[in-house]
C-alpha cells in the first residue's frame, strides 16, 4: 500500500532524514523513523510490563517437561 505525504513540512522532514541516513528512498527513511519511534516507545514501558509479555508467551507454550535432560539433548546435538 503506498504512502502519500501531503504535508510539505513532513515531506521536507522525510527528505532531510533520507539524506542524513543515506536511505534509498523517502519511504525507507519513514520506515526507519517509524521503527525507531516504536522501539523508543516500547522502551518507555516499565520492565515489569515488558517481561510480563514474554512470560505470557512462554506460559502459552504449555508446561515444561520436568524430566527433560538438557545436557543429554545438547550432547546429542553436538555429536558428529
PDB file of N, CA and C in Angstrom:
ATOM      1  N   UNK A   1       0.844  -1.171   0.000  1.00  0.00           N
ATOM      2  CA  UNK A   1       0.000   0.000   0.000  1.00  0.00           C
ATOM      3  C   UNK A   1       0.894   1.240   0.000  1.00  0.00           C
ATOM      4  N   UNK A   2       0.650   2.163  -0.892  1.00  0.00           N
ATOM      5  CA  UNK A   2       1.511   3.349  -0.982  1.00  0.00           C
ATOM      6  C   UNK A   2       1.302   4.305   0.189  1.00  0.00           C
ATOM      7  N   UNK A   3       2.331   5.055   0.453  1.00  0.00           N
ATOM      8  CA  UNK A   3       2.291   6.077   1.499  1.00  0.00           C
ATOM      9  C   UNK A   3       2.362   7.430   0.811  1.00  0.00           C
ATOM     10  N   UNK A   4       1.351   8.237   1.007  1.00  0.00           N
ATOM     11  CA  UNK A   4       1.323   9.564   0.403  1.00  0.00           C
ATOM     12  C   UNK A   4       1.526  10.610   1.482  1.00  0.00           C
ATOM     13  N   UNK A   5       2.501  11.469   1.294  1.00  0.00           N
ATOM     14  CA  UNK A   5       2.763  12.557   2.235  1.00  0.00           C
ATOM     15  C   UNK A   5       2.246  13.833   1.590  1.00  0.00           C
ATOM     16  N   UNK A   6       1.202  14.384   2.178  1.00  0.00           N
ATOM     17  CA  UNK A   6       0.573  15.563   1.601  1.00  0.00           C
ATOM     18  C   UNK A   6       1.005  16.852   2.299  1.00  0.00           C
ATOM     19  N   UNK A   7       1.634  16.726   3.426  1.00  0.00           N
ATOM     20  CA  UNK A   7       2.082  17.892   4.180  1.00  0.00           C
ATOM     21  C   UNK A   7       3.505  18.239   3.749  1.00  0.00           C
ATOM     22  N   UNK A   8       3.704  19.485   3.293  1.00  0.00           N
ATOM     23  CA  UNK A   8       5.017  19.898   2.787  1.00  0.00           C
ATOM     24  C   UNK A   8       6.107  19.819   3.855  1.00  0.00           C
ATOM     25  N   UNK A   9       5.762  20.144   5.099  1.00  0.00           N
ATOM     26  CA  UNK A   9       6.761  20.092   6.179  1.00  0.00           C
ATOM     27  C   UNK A   9       7.171  18.651   6.470  1.00  0.00           C
ATOM     28  N   UNK A  10       6.209  17.750   6.457  1.00  0.00           N
ATOM     29  CA  UNK A  10       6.510  16.338   6.690  1.00  0.00           C
ATOM     30  C   UNK A  10       7.333  15.784   5.527  1.00  0.00           C
ATOM     31  N   UNK A  11       6.993  16.182   4.325  1.00  0.00           N
ATOM     32  CA  UNK A  11       7.753  15.754   3.153  1.00  0.00           C
ATOM     33  C   UNK A  11       9.200  16.246   3.247  1.00  0.00           C
ATOM     34  N   UNK A  12       9.383  17.505   3.689  1.00  0.00           N
ATOM     35  CA  UNK A  12      10.736  18.052   3.835  1.00  0.00           C
ATOM     36  C   UNK A  12      11.509  17.302   4.919  1.00  0.00           C
ATOM     37  N   UNK A  13      10.826  16.941   6.007  1.00  0.00           N
ATOM     38  CA  UNK A  13      11.486  16.163   7.065  1.00  0.00           C
ATOM     39  C   UNK A  13      11.894  14.787   6.546  1.00  0.00           C
ATOM     40  N   UNK A  14      11.026  14.162   5.771  1.00  0.00           N
ATOM     41  CA  UNK A  14      11.349  12.847   5.202  1.00  0.00           C
ATOM     42  C   UNK A  14      12.537  12.942   4.250  1.00  0.00           C
ATOM     43  N   UNK A  15      12.576  13.996   3.459  1.00  0.00           N
ATOM     44  CA  UNK A  15      13.706  14.202   2.548  1.00  0.00           C
ATOM     45  C   UNK A  15      14.993  14.431   3.321  1.00  0.00           C
ATOM     46  N   UNK A  16      14.914  15.231   4.373  1.00  0.00           N
ATOM     47  CA  UNK A  16      16.096  15.500   5.211  1.00  0.00           C
ATOM     48  C   UNK A  16      16.589  14.218   5.869  1.00  0.00           C
ATOM     49  N   UNK A  17      15.664  13.432   6.389  1.00  0.00           N
ATOM     50  CA  UNK A  17      16.043  12.169   7.030  1.00  0.00           C
ATOM     51  C   UNK A  17      16.640  11.209   6.006  1.00  0.00           C
ATOM     52  N   UNK A  18      16.087  11.191   4.807  1.00  0.00           N
ATOM     53  CA  UNK A  18      16.624  10.329   3.756  1.00  0.00           C
ATOM     54  C   UNK A  18      18.079  10.681   3.478  1.00  0.00           C
ATOM     55  N   UNK A  19      18.368  11.974   3.383  1.00  0.00           N
ATOM     56  CA  UNK A  19      19.746  12.404   3.123  1.00  0.00           C
ATOM     57  C   UNK A  19      20.665  12.036   4.282  1.00  0.00           C
ATOM     58  N   UNK A  20      20.219  12.330   5.502  1.00  0.00           N
ATOM     59  CA  UNK A  20      21.082  12.127   6.670  1.00  0.00           C
ATOM     60  C   UNK A  20      21.328  10.661   6.985  1.00  0.00           C
ATOM     61  N   UNK A  21      20.399   9.793   6.626  1.00  0.00           N
ATOM     62  CA  UNK A  21      20.567   8.364   6.907  1.00  0.00           C
ATOM     63  C   UNK A  21      21.017   7.581   5.681  1.00  0.00           C
ATOM     64  N   UNK A  22      21.169   8.281   4.557  1.00  0.00           N
ATOM     65  CA  UNK A  22      21.519   7.629   3.290  1.00  0.00           C
ATOM     66  C   UNK A  22      20.511   6.542   2.917  1.00  0.00           C
ATOM     67  N   UNK A  23      19.256   6.774   3.246  1.00  0.00           N
ATOM     68  CA  UNK A  23      18.200   5.828   2.893  1.00  0.00           C
ATOM     69  C   UNK A  23      18.006   5.846   1.378  1.00  0.00           C
ATOM     70  N   UNK A  24      17.596   4.728   0.847  1.00  0.00           N
ATOM     71  CA  UNK A  24      17.433   4.620  -0.607  1.00  0.00           C
ATOM     72  C   UNK A  24      16.231   5.396  -1.126  1.00  0.00           C
ATOM     73  N   UNK A  25      15.271   5.686  -0.258  1.00  0.00           N
ATOM     74  CA  UNK A  25      14.080   6.427  -0.666  1.00  0.00           C
ATOM     75  C   UNK A  25      13.471   7.110   0.550  1.00  0.00           C
ATOM     76  N   UNK A  26      12.516   7.990   0.302  1.00  0.00           N
ATOM     77  CA  UNK A  26      11.811   8.621   1.419  1.00  0.00           C
ATOM     78  C   UNK A  26      11.004   7.568   2.176  1.00  0.00           C
ATOM     79  N   UNK A  27      10.462   6.627   1.443  1.00  0.00           N
ATOM     80  CA  UNK A  27       9.698   5.556   2.098  1.00  0.00           C
ATOM     81  C   UNK A  27      10.588   4.791   3.070  1.00  0.00           C
ATOM     82  N   UNK A  28      11.806   4.490   2.652  1.00  0.00           N
ATOM     83  CA  UNK A  28      12.752   3.791   3.530  1.00  0.00           C
ATOM     84  C   UNK A  28      13.090   4.658   4.741  1.00  0.00           C
ATOM     85  N   UNK A  29      13.260   5.955   4.531  1.00  0.00           N
ATOM     86  CA  UNK A  29      13.558   6.863   5.637  1.00  0.00           C
ATOM     87  C   UNK A  29      12.399   6.896   6.627  1.00  0.00           C
ATOM     88  N   UNK A  30      11.177   6.931   6.125  1.00  0.00           N
ATOM     89  CA  UNK A  30       9.996   6.932   7.001  1.00  0.00           C
ATOM     90  C   UNK A  30       9.905   5.604   7.741  1.00  0.00           C
ATOM     91  N   UNK A  31      10.200   4.489   7.059  1.00  0.00           N
ATOM     92  CA  UNK A  31      10.169   3.172   7.711  1.00  0.00           C
ATOM     93  C   UNK A  31      11.157   3.124   8.864  1.00  0.00           C
ATOM     94  N   UNK A  32      12.374   3.613   8.621  1.00  0.00           N
ATOM     95  CA  UNK A  32      13.405   3.643   9.664  1.00  0.00           C
ATOM     96  C   UNK A  32      12.940   4.495  10.841  1.00  0.00           C
ATOM     97  N   UNK A  33      12.396   5.669  10.533  1.00  0.00           N
ATOM     98  CA  UNK A  33      11.942   6.573  11.593  1.00  0.00           C
ATOM     99  C   UNK A  33      10.818   5.945  12.414  1.00  0.00           C
ATOM    100  N   UNK A  34       9.885   5.283  11.743  1.00  0.00           N
ATOM    101  CA  UNK A  34       8.776   4.648  12.457  1.00  0.00           C
ATOM    102  C   UNK A  34       9.266   3.499  13.331  1.00  0.00           C
ATOM    103  N   UNK A  35      10.183   2.698  12.818  1.00  0.00           N
ATOM    104  CA  UNK A  35      10.739   1.602  13.620  1.00  0.00           C
ATOM    105  C   UNK A  35      11.455   2.132  14.853  1.00  0.00           C
ATOM    106  N   UNK A  36      12.241   3.190  14.675  1.00  0.00           N
ATOM    107  CA  UNK A  36      12.948   3.773  15.816  1.00  0.00           C
ATOM    108  C   UNK A  36      11.972   4.343  16.840  1.00  0.00           C
ATOM    109  N   UNK A  37      10.915   4.965  16.370  1.00  0.00           N
ATOM    110  CA  UNK A  37       9.929   5.527  17.298  1.00  0.00           C
ATOM    111  C   UNK A  37       9.199   4.425  18.052  1.00  0.00           C
ATOM    112  N   UNK A  38       8.885   3.325  17.361  1.00  0.00           N
ATOM    113  CA  UNK A  38       8.251   2.196  18.042  1.00  0.00           C
ATOM    114  C   UNK A  38       9.178   1.605  19.105  1.00  0.00           C
ATOM    115  N   UNK A  39      10.461   1.456  18.773  1.00  0.00           N
ATOM    116  CA  UNK A  39      11.433   0.944  19.741  1.00  0.00           C
ATOM    117  C   UNK A  39      11.538   1.873  20.948  1.00  0.00           C
ATOM    118  N   UNK A  40      11.575   3.167  20.676  1.00  0.00           N
ATOM    119  CA  UNK A  40      11.675   4.149  21.759  1.00  0.00           C
ATOM    120  C   UNK A  40      10.435   4.099  22.639  1.00  0.00           C
ATOM    121  N   UNK A  41       9.276   3.956  22.023  1.00  0.00           N
ATOM    122  CA  UNK A  41       8.034   3.890  22.778  1.00  0.00           C
ATOM    123  C   UNK A  41       7.968   2.624  23.629  1.00  0.00           C
ATOM    124  N   UNK A  42       8.397   1.511  23.056  1.00  0.00           N
ATOM    125  CA  UNK A  42       8.386   0.252  23.810  1.00  0.00           C
ATOM    126  C   UNK A  42       9.352   0.308  24.988  1.00  0.00           C
ATOM    127  N   UNK A  43      10.473   0.977  24.804  1.00  0.00           N
ATOM    128  CA  UNK A  43      11.472   1.066  25.869  1.00  0.00           C
ATOM    129  C   UNK A  43      10.966   1.903  27.045  1.00  0.00           C
ATOM    130  N   UNK A  44       9.983   2.752  26.808  1.00  0.00           N
ATOM    131  CA  UNK A  44       9.431   3.569  27.888  1.00  0.00           C
ATOM    132  C   UNK A  44       8.538   2.764  28.814  1.00  0.00           C
ATOM    133  N   UNK A  45       8.054   1.631  28.337  1.00  0.00           N
ATOM    134  CA  UNK A  45       7.206   0.795  29.179  1.00  0.00           C
ATOM    135  C   UNK A  45       8.062   0.230  30.307  1.00  0.00           C
ATOM    136  N   UNK A  46       7.509   0.132  31.481  1.00  0.00           N
ATOM    137  CA  UNK A  46       8.276  -0.436  32.595  1.00  0.00           C
ATOM    138  C   UNK A  46       8.729  -1.864  32.284  1.00  0.00           C
ATOM    139  N   UNK A  47       9.898  -2.195  32.788  1.00  0.00           N
ATOM    140  CA  UNK A  47      10.465  -3.521  32.559  1.00  0.00           C
ATOM    141  C   UNK A  47       9.489  -4.612  32.982  1.00  0.00           C
ATOM    142  N   UNK A  48       8.788  -4.384  34.063  1.00  0.00           N
ATOM    143  CA  UNK A  48       7.830  -5.379  34.569  1.00  0.00           C
ATOM    144  C   UNK A  48       6.773  -5.702  33.509  1.00  0.00           C
ATOM    145  N   UNK A  49       6.295  -4.672  32.799  1.00  0.00           N
ATOM    146  CA  UNK A  49       5.292  -4.892  31.758  1.00  0.00           C
ATOM    147  C   UNK A  49       5.888  -5.610  30.554  1.00  0.00           C
ATOM    148  N   UNK A  50       7.127  -5.264  30.177  1.00  0.00           N
ATOM    149  CA  UNK A  50       7.767  -5.930  29.045  1.00  0.00           C
ATOM    150  C   UNK A  50       8.023  -7.399  29.355  1.00  0.00           C
ATOM    151  N   UNK A  51       8.445  -7.693  30.572  1.00  0.00           N
ATOM    152  CA  UNK A  51       8.698  -9.081  30.970  1.00  0.00           C
ATOM    153  C   UNK A  51       7.399  -9.863  31.011  1.00  0.00           C
ATOM    154  N   UNK A  52       6.315  -9.226  31.436  1.00  0.00           N
ATOM    155  CA  UNK A  52       5.019  -9.908  31.524  1.00  0.00           C
ATOM    156  C   UNK A  52       4.581 -10.426  30.158  1.00  0.00           C
ATOM    157  N   UNK A  53       4.891  -9.697  29.103  1.00  0.00           N
ATOM    158  CA  UNK A  53       4.547 -10.146  27.747  1.00  0.00           C
ATOM    159  C   UNK A  53       5.279 -11.444  27.431  1.00  0.00           C
ATOM    160  N   UNK A  54       6.572 -11.496  27.729  1.00  0.00           N
ATOM    161  CA  UNK A  54       7.354 -12.709  27.461  1.00  0.00           C
ATOM    162  C   UNK A  54       6.888 -13.868  28.340  1.00  0.00           C
ATOM    163  N   UNK A  55       6.541 -13.573  29.578  1.00  0.00           N
ATOM    164  CA  UNK A  55       6.059 -14.628  30.464  1.00  0.00           C
ATOM    165  C   UNK A  55       4.741 -15.198  29.954  1.00  0.00           C
ATOM    166  N   UNK A  56       3.866 -14.350  29.449  1.00  0.00           N
ATOM    167  CA  UNK A  56       2.589 -14.820  28.908  1.00  0.00           C
ATOM    168  C   UNK A  56       2.815 -15.678  27.674  1.00  0.00           C
ATOM    169  N   UNK A  57       3.765 -15.282  26.827  1.00  0.00           N
ATOM    170  CA  UNK A  57       4.071 -16.083  25.639  1.00  0.00           C
ATOM    171  C   UNK A  57       4.637 -17.439  26.037  1.00  0.00           C
ATOM    172  N   UNK A  58       5.508 -17.463  27.034  1.00  0.00           N
ATOM    173  CA  UNK A  58       6.081 -18.727  27.497  1.00  0.00           C
ATOM    174  C   UNK A  58       4.993 -19.605  28.119  1.00  0.00           C
ATOM    175  N   UNK A  59       4.095 -19.002  28.874  1.00  0.00           N
ATOM    176  CA  UNK A  59       3.014 -19.768  29.502  1.00  0.00           C
ATOM    177  C   UNK A  59       2.088 -20.357  28.442  1.00  0.00           C
ATOM    178  N   UNK A  60       1.905 -19.636  27.337  1.00  0.00           N
ATOM    179  CA  UNK A  60       1.035 -20.122  26.261  1.00  0.00           C
ATOM    180  C   UNK A  60       1.612 -21.361  25.585  1.00  0.00           C
ATOM    181  N   UNK A  61       2.921 -21.555  25.683  1.00  0.00           N
ATOM    182  CA  UNK A  61       3.550 -22.737  25.098  1.00  0.00           C
ATOM    183  C   UNK A  61       3.215 -24.000  25.876  1.00  0.00           C
ATOM    184  N   UNK A  62       2.805 -23.860  27.113  1.00  0.00           N
ATOM    185  CA  UNK A  62       2.446 -25.001  27.936  1.00  0.00           C
ATOM    186  C   UNK A  62       3.535 -25.298  28.955  1.00  0.00           C
ATOM    187  N   UNK A  63       3.240 -26.218  29.843  1.00  0.00           N
ATOM    188  CA  UNK A  63       4.214 -26.531  30.893  1.00  0.00           C
ATOM    189  C   UNK A  63       5.456 -27.221  30.324  1.00  0.00           C
ATOM    190  N   UNK A  64       6.564 -26.989  30.987  1.00  0.00           N
ATOM    191  CA  UNK A  64       7.803 -27.641  30.550  1.00  0.00           C
ATOM    192  C   UNK A  64       7.842 -29.066  31.088  1.00  0.00           C
ATOM    193  N   UNK A  65       8.633 -29.892  30.436  1.00  0.00           N
ATOM    194  CA  UNK A  65       8.767 -31.288  30.837  1.00  0.00           C
ATOM    195  C   UNK A  65       9.805 -31.372  31.959  1.00  0.00           C
ATOM    196  N   UNK A  66       9.403 -31.732  33.172  1.00  0.00           N
ATOM    197  CA  UNK A  66      10.362 -31.781  34.283  1.00  0.00           C
ATOM    198  C   UNK A  66      11.403 -32.886  34.112  1.00  0.00           C
ATOM    199  N   UNK A  67      11.141 -33.847  33.224  1.00  0.00           N
ATOM    200  CA  UNK A  67      12.075 -34.953  33.017  1.00  0.00           C
ATOM    201  C   UNK A  67      13.014 -34.709  31.837  1.00  0.00           C
ATOM    202  N   UNK A  68      12.910 -33.533  31.198  1.00  0.00           N
ATOM    203  CA  UNK A  68      13.756 -33.233  30.051  1.00  0.00           C
ATOM    204  C   UNK A  68      15.199 -33.059  30.503  1.00  0.00           C
ATOM    205  N   UNK A  69      16.123 -33.746  29.830  1.00  0.00           N
ATOM    206  CA  UNK A  69      17.535 -33.700  30.184  1.00  0.00           C
ATOM    207  C   UNK A  69      18.257 -32.797  29.176  1.00  0.00           C
ATOM    208  N   UNK A  70      18.461 -31.545  29.554  1.00  0.00           N
ATOM    209  CA  UNK A  70      19.077 -30.573  28.647  1.00  0.00           C
ATOM    210  C   UNK A  70      20.493 -30.992  28.269  1.00  0.00           C
ATOM    211  N   UNK A  71      21.264 -31.539  29.216  1.00  0.00           N
ATOM    212  CA  UNK A  71      22.633 -31.936  28.908  1.00  0.00           C
ATOM    213  C   UNK A  71      22.653 -33.034  27.856  1.00  0.00           C
ATOM    214  N   UNK A  72      21.815 -34.038  28.010  1.00  0.00           N
ATOM    215  CA  UNK A  72      21.764 -35.120  27.025  1.00  0.00           C
ATOM    216  C   UNK A  72      21.321 -34.578  25.667  1.00  0.00           C
ATOM    217  N   UNK A  73      20.370 -33.669  25.663  1.00  0.00           N
ATOM    218  CA  UNK A  73      19.900 -33.064  24.428  1.00  0.00           C
ATOM    219  C   UNK A  73      21.019 -32.311  23.717  1.00  0.00           C
ATOM    220  N   UNK A  74      21.770 -31.503  24.463  1.00  0.00           N
ATOM    221  CA  UNK A  74      22.856 -30.739  23.873  1.00  0.00           C
ATOM    222  C   UNK A  74      24.003 -31.651  23.426  1.00  0.00           C
ATOM    223  N   UNK A  75      24.313 -32.661  24.231  1.00  0.00           N
ATOM    224  CA  UNK A  75      25.365 -33.611  23.839  1.00  0.00           C
ATOM    225  C   UNK A  75      25.002 -34.298  22.521  1.00  0.00           C
ATOM    226  N   UNK A  76      23.754 -34.701  22.391  1.00  0.00           N
ATOM    227  CA  UNK A  76      23.311 -35.371  21.174  1.00  0.00           C
ATOM    228  C   UNK A  76      23.380 -34.407  19.978  1.00  0.00           C
ATOM    229  N   UNK A  77      23.058 -33.159  20.186  1.00  0.00           N
ATOM    230  CA  UNK A  77      23.069 -32.175  19.101  1.00  0.00           C
ATOM    231  C   UNK A  77      24.492 -31.913  18.609  1.00  0.00           C
ATOM    232  N   UNK A  78      25.485 -32.044  19.489  1.00  0.00           N
ATOM    233  CA  UNK A  78      26.861 -31.729  19.124  1.00  0.00           C
ATOM    234  C   UNK A  78      27.663 -32.937  18.673  1.00  0.00           C
ATOM    235  N   UNK A  79      27.072 -34.112  18.733  1.00  0.00           N
ATOM    236  CA  UNK A  79      27.791 -35.310  18.280  1.00  0.00           C
ATOM    237  C   UNK A  79      27.945 -35.296  16.777  1.00  0.00           C
ATOM    238  N   UNK A  80      29.050 -35.871  16.289  1.00  0.00           N
ATOM    239  CA  UNK A  80      29.276 -35.950  14.829  1.00  0.00           C
ATOM    240  C   UNK A  80      28.656 -37.193  14.273  1.00  0.00           C
TER     241      UNK A  80
END
